[in-house]
Amino acid sequence: MTRPYAYCLEIIYDGREIPHSIIPAFISFNLANRTIKEILDKGPSLKRSVRMVLDNSKELRREVLVASLGPGMADALTNCHENLETLEIVITRVDEVEAQTKKIFDEFLTFQADFQNLSV
């Protein structure tokens, strides 16, 4: 078992030396860990990008107002406001996903010894 990244475990095995019935479990374990790593790698970047948009929300609202002068102005402003509210929810949801993903990774760490015993 290796740990190439902070949030990624990987089972290294030789398919000729272990029972073939165990290989799908190892493949699933490795895939799950790569997915955990990807989620935790991309979450901060996503939150930074969303925060940049939210930090510029006043300017964005002003641009929407200028661009939509006319009969559709109220709808455009409403849509802009709703979209900004949705982005605020996105940050909260990404935080929740990251927290749950870290808990799952901690469970993988707990079961790490069991997988090592199978691969020996």
Foldseek 3Di string as FASTA:
>chain_A
DDDPDPQADADDADCVPADPVCVVVRVVNRVLSVVLVVLLVCLVVLLVVLVVCLVCLVVVLVVQQVVPPDDCNVVSSVVSVVVNVVSVVVNVVSVVVNVVSVVVSVVCVVCVVVVVVRRD
